[in-house]
Amino acid sequence: MGTILNYLPAPAAFDPDVISIMAKAYEQALASLESPPPQSVRELIAARIIGLTRGGERDPHTLCEKAIAALGILRNAQPAKAQTTQPSP
């Protein structure tokens, strides 16, 4: 399937630690999908992660979540539990 390195126009533009963060986010994003995604979806995920990283984001979980959210597709991830609030007395 490849790695995010396949989608970096110039890997030297990012330091190794940042590339590692992007790679982790990319792999998490692919693993969260219901089936192996086609090339076009992998490209979109990588582009979103790279763009967010260029904008300063460094949290792999946030990069993954935002890349997947941008696609608007369903994933294997468990839905978040709804929080209930108690009315104040």
N, C-alpha and C. Protein backbone atom coordinates (compact mmCIF):
# COMPACT_ATOMS: atom_id res chain seq x y z
N MET A 1 0.81 -1.20 0.00
CA MET A 1 0.00 0.00 0.00
C MET A 1 0.85 1.26 0.00
N GLY A 2 2.05 1.19 0.52
CA GLY A 2 2.90 2.36 0.53
C GLY A 2 2.83 3.10 1.84
N THR A 3 3.67 4.09 1.92
CA THR A 3 3.72 4.92 3.12
C THR A 3 3.49 6.37 2.72
N ILE A 4 3.40 7.21 3.71
CA ILE A 4 3.18 8.62 3.43
C ILE A 4 4.38 9.21 2.68
N LEU A 5 5.54 8.58 2.79
CA LEU A 5 6.72 9.06 2.06
C LEU A 5 6.47 9.09 0.56
N ASN A 6 5.62 8.19 0.08
CA ASN A 6 5.30 8.15 -1.35
C ASN A 6 4.59 9.42 -1.80
N TYR A 7 4.00 10.17 -0.88
CA TYR A 7 3.19 11.33 -1.21
C TYR A 7 3.86 12.66 -0.87
N LEU A 8 5.02 12.60 -0.23
CA LEU A 8 5.73 13.83 0.13
C LEU A 8 6.48 14.35 -1.09
N PRO A 9 6.19 15.58 -1.52
CA PRO A 9 6.89 16.12 -2.68
C PRO A 9 8.39 16.29 -2.42
N ALA A 10 8.75 16.62 -1.19
CA ALA A 10 10.16 16.79 -0.81
C ALA A 10 10.30 16.38 0.65
N PRO A 11 10.59 15.08 0.90
CA PRO A 11 10.70 14.64 2.30
C PRO A 11 11.66 15.47 3.13
N ALA A 12 12.67 16.05 2.50
CA ALA A 12 13.64 16.85 3.26
C ALA A 12 13.01 18.11 3.83
N ALA A 13 11.80 18.47 3.39
CA ALA A 13 11.13 19.65 3.91
C ALA A 13 10.66 19.44 5.35
N PHE A 14 10.61 18.20 5.80
CA PHE A 14 10.19 17.87 7.17
C PHE A 14 11.33 17.15 7.86
N ASP A 15 11.48 17.41 9.17
CA ASP A 15 12.52 16.68 9.88
C ASP A 15 12.04 15.25 10.15
N PRO A 16 12.95 14.35 10.46
CA PRO A 16 12.59 12.94 10.64
C PRO A 16 11.51 12.70 11.70
N ASP A 17 11.53 13.48 12.78
CA ASP A 17 10.50 13.30 13.82
C ASP A 17 9.12 13.64 13.29
N VAL A 18 9.02 14.68 12.48
CA VAL A 18 7.73 15.08 11.91
C VAL A 18 7.27 14.05 10.88
N ILE A 19 8.18 13.52 10.09
CA ILE A 19 7.82 12.48 9.13
C ILE A 19 7.30 11.26 9.86
N SER A 20 7.91 10.92 10.99
CA SER A 20 7.45 9.79 11.80
C SER A 20 6.03 10.02 12.31
N ILE A 21 5.73 11.24 12.74
CA ILE A 21 4.39 11.58 13.21
C ILE A 21 3.38 11.44 12.07
N MET A 22 3.73 11.96 10.89
CA MET A 22 2.83 11.86 9.74
C MET A 22 2.62 10.41 9.33
N ALA A 23 3.68 9.61 9.37
CA ALA A 23 3.57 8.20 9.01
C ALA A 23 2.64 7.46 9.97
N LYS A 24 2.77 7.76 11.25
CA LYS A 24 1.90 7.13 12.26
C LYS A 24 0.44 7.51 12.01
N ALA A 25 0.18 8.79 11.76
CA ALA A 25 -1.18 9.25 11.51
C ALA A 25 -1.75 8.60 10.25
N TYR A 26 -0.94 8.50 9.21
CA TYR A 26 -1.37 7.90 7.95
C TYR A 26 -1.73 6.42 8.15
N GLU A 27 -0.87 5.69 8.83
CA GLU A 27 -1.14 4.26 9.08
C GLU A 27 -2.39 4.08 9.94
N GLN A 28 -2.57 4.94 10.96
CA GLN A 28 -3.77 4.87 11.79
C GLN A 28 -5.02 5.14 10.96
N ALA A 29 -4.93 6.10 10.07
CA ALA A 29 -6.08 6.45 9.24
C ALA A 29 -6.46 5.28 8.34
N LEU A 30 -5.47 4.67 7.70
CA LEU A 30 -5.76 3.53 6.83
C LEU A 30 -6.33 2.36 7.62
N ALA A 31 -5.79 2.12 8.81
CA ALA A 31 -6.26 1.01 9.64
C ALA A 31 -7.69 1.24 10.14
N SER A 32 -8.11 2.48 10.23
CA SER A 32 -9.44 2.77 10.76
C SER A 32 -10.55 2.61 9.71
N LEU A 33 -10.18 2.44 8.46
CA LEU A 33 -11.19 2.29 7.41
C LEU A 33 -11.73 0.87 7.38
N GLU A 34 -12.95 0.73 6.89
CA GLU A 34 -13.61 -0.57 6.88
C GLU A 34 -12.97 -1.56 5.92
N SER A 35 -12.35 -1.10 4.87
CA SER A 35 -11.69 -1.97 3.91
C SER A 35 -10.49 -1.23 3.34
N PRO A 36 -9.58 -1.96 2.71
CA PRO A 36 -8.43 -1.25 2.13
C PRO A 36 -8.91 -0.21 1.12
N PRO A 37 -8.47 1.02 1.30
CA PRO A 37 -8.96 2.09 0.42
C PRO A 37 -8.28 2.08 -0.94
N PRO A 38 -8.96 2.59 -1.95
CA PRO A 38 -8.32 2.71 -3.26
C PRO A 38 -7.23 3.79 -3.23
N GLN A 39 -6.41 3.79 -4.23
CA GLN A 39 -5.30 4.73 -4.33
C GLN A 39 -5.75 6.18 -4.16
N SER A 40 -6.86 6.54 -4.76
CA SER A 40 -7.33 7.93 -4.69
C SER A 40 -7.63 8.35 -3.25
N VAL A 41 -8.18 7.45 -2.46
CA VAL A 41 -8.48 7.76 -1.06
C VAL A 41 -7.18 7.86 -0.26
N ARG A 42 -6.23 6.97 -0.51
CA ARG A 42 -4.94 7.04 0.17
C ARG A 42 -4.25 8.37 -0.13
N GLU A 43 -4.36 8.81 -1.38
CA GLU A 43 -3.76 10.10 -1.76
C GLU A 43 -4.42 11.26 -1.02
N LEU A 44 -5.74 11.22 -0.90
CA LEU A 44 -6.45 12.29 -0.19
C LEU A 44 -6.09 12.31 1.30
N ILE A 45 -6.00 11.15 1.90
CA ILE A 45 -5.61 11.06 3.31
C ILE A 45 -4.21 11.64 3.50
N ALA A 46 -3.29 11.21 2.66
CA ALA A 46 -1.91 11.71 2.76
C ALA A 46 -1.85 13.22 2.56
N ALA A 47 -2.55 13.72 1.56
CA ALA A 47 -2.54 15.16 1.28
C ALA A 47 -3.08 15.95 2.46
N ARG A 48 -4.14 15.45 3.08
CA ARG A 48 -4.73 16.14 4.23
C ARG A 48 -3.76 16.15 5.40
N ILE A 49 -3.12 15.01 5.67
CA ILE A 49 -2.16 14.93 6.77
C ILE A 49 -0.98 15.86 6.51
N ILE A 50 -0.48 15.87 5.30
CA ILE A 50 0.66 16.73 4.96
C ILE A 50 0.26 18.20 5.11
N GLY A 51 -0.91 18.55 4.63
CA GLY A 51 -1.37 19.93 4.75
C GLY A 51 -1.54 20.38 6.19
N LEU A 52 -2.13 19.52 7.00
CA LEU A 52 -2.31 19.85 8.42
C LEU A 52 -0.96 19.98 9.13
N THR A 53 -0.02 19.12 8.75
CA THR A 53 1.31 19.18 9.35
C THR A 53 2.02 20.47 8.95
N ARG A 54 1.89 20.84 7.71
CA ARG A 54 2.47 22.13 7.27
C ARG A 54 1.86 23.29 8.05
N GLY A 55 0.62 23.14 8.45
CA GLY A 55 -0.05 24.17 9.23
C GLY A 55 0.32 24.17 10.70
N GLY A 56 1.15 23.20 11.12
CA GLY A 56 1.64 23.19 12.48
C GLY A 56 1.14 22.07 13.38
N GLU A 57 0.17 21.28 12.92
CA GLU A 57 -0.35 20.19 13.75
C GLU A 57 0.71 19.10 13.89
N ARG A 58 0.89 18.58 15.10
CA ARG A 58 1.90 17.55 15.34
C ARG A 58 1.36 16.35 16.11
N ASP A 59 0.08 16.34 16.43
CA ASP A 59 -0.50 15.21 17.16
C ASP A 59 -0.98 14.17 16.16
N PRO A 60 -0.42 12.94 16.18
CA PRO A 60 -0.82 11.93 15.20
C PRO A 60 -2.31 11.59 15.24
N HIS A 61 -2.87 11.56 16.44
CA HIS A 61 -4.30 11.23 16.56
C HIS A 61 -5.15 12.32 15.90
N THR A 62 -4.81 13.57 16.16
CA THR A 62 -5.55 14.68 15.56
C THR A 62 -5.39 14.67 14.04
N LEU A 63 -4.17 14.44 13.57
CA LEU A 63 -3.95 14.37 12.12
C LEU A 63 -4.80 13.27 11.49
N CYS A 64 -4.82 12.11 12.12
CA CYS A 64 -5.61 10.98 11.63
C CYS A 64 -7.09 11.34 11.60
N GLU A 65 -7.61 11.82 12.71
CA GLU A 65 -9.03 12.14 12.82
C GLU A 65 -9.47 13.19 11.80
N LYS A 66 -8.67 14.23 11.65
CA LYS A 66 -9.03 15.30 10.71
C LYS A 66 -8.93 14.83 9.26
N ALA A 67 -7.97 13.98 8.96
CA ALA A 67 -7.85 13.46 7.60
C ALA A 67 -9.05 12.59 7.25
N ILE A 68 -9.47 11.74 8.18
CA ILE A 68 -10.63 10.87 7.95
C ILE A 68 -11.91 11.70 7.90
N ALA A 69 -12.03 12.66 8.79
CA ALA A 69 -13.23 13.50 8.82
C ALA A 69 -13.40 14.26 7.50
N ALA A 70 -12.30 14.66 6.92
CA ALA A 70 -12.36 15.40 5.66
C ALA A 70 -12.92 14.54 4.53
N LEU A 71 -12.79 13.23 4.66
CA LEU A 71 -13.30 12.32 3.63
C LEU A 71 -14.81 12.10 3.77
N GLY A 72 -15.31 12.21 5.00
CA GLY A 72 -16.74 11.99 5.23
C GLY A 72 -17.17 10.56 5.00
N ILE A 73 -16.32 9.60 5.38
CA ILE A 73 -16.67 8.19 5.19
C ILE A 73 -16.74 7.47 6.52
N LEU A 74 -17.37 6.29 6.52
CA LEU A 74 -17.50 5.50 7.73
C LEU A 74 -16.22 4.74 8.00
N ARG A 75 -15.97 4.48 9.29
CA ARG A 75 -14.77 3.78 9.71
C ARG A 75 -15.11 2.64 10.65
N ASN A 76 -14.09 1.84 10.97
CA ASN A 76 -14.24 0.76 11.93
C ASN A 76 -14.24 1.26 13.36
N ALA A 77 -13.77 2.46 13.57
CA ALA A 77 -13.62 2.99 14.93
C ALA A 77 -14.96 3.00 15.66
N GLN A 78 -14.90 2.75 16.93
CA GLN A 78 -16.09 2.76 17.75
C GLN A 78 -16.59 4.19 17.89
N PRO A 79 -17.89 4.40 17.80
CA PRO A 79 -18.41 5.75 17.98
C PRO A 79 -18.22 6.21 19.42
N ALA A 80 -18.03 7.48 19.58
CA ALA A 80 -17.88 8.05 20.92
C ALA A 80 -19.20 7.94 21.66
N LYS A 81 -19.12 7.66 22.94
CA LYS A 81 -20.33 7.58 23.76
C LYS A 81 -20.90 8.98 23.96
N ALA A 82 -22.19 9.06 23.85
CA ALA A 82 -22.85 10.36 24.06
C ALA A 82 -22.75 10.72 25.54
N GLN A 83 -22.45 11.95 25.80
CA GLN A 83 -22.38 12.41 27.18
C GLN A 83 -23.75 12.94 27.58
N THR A 84 -24.13 12.57 28.77
CA THR A 84 -25.40 13.07 29.28
C THR A 84 -25.10 14.09 30.36
N THR A 85 -25.90 15.09 30.39
CA THR A 85 -25.72 16.11 31.43
C THR A 85 -26.89 16.07 32.37
N GLN A 86 -26.61 16.30 33.59
CA GLN A 86 -27.64 16.34 34.62
C GLN A 86 -28.16 17.78 34.72
N PRO A 87 -29.45 17.97 34.80
CA PRO A 87 -29.93 19.35 34.98
C PRO A 87 -29.47 19.89 36.32
N SER A 88 -29.11 21.14 36.33
CA SER A 88 -28.67 21.73 37.59
C SER A 88 -29.89 22.05 38.46
N PRO A 89 -29.73 21.88 39.75
CA PRO A 89 -30.86 22.09 40.67
C PRO A 89 -31.28 23.53 40.76
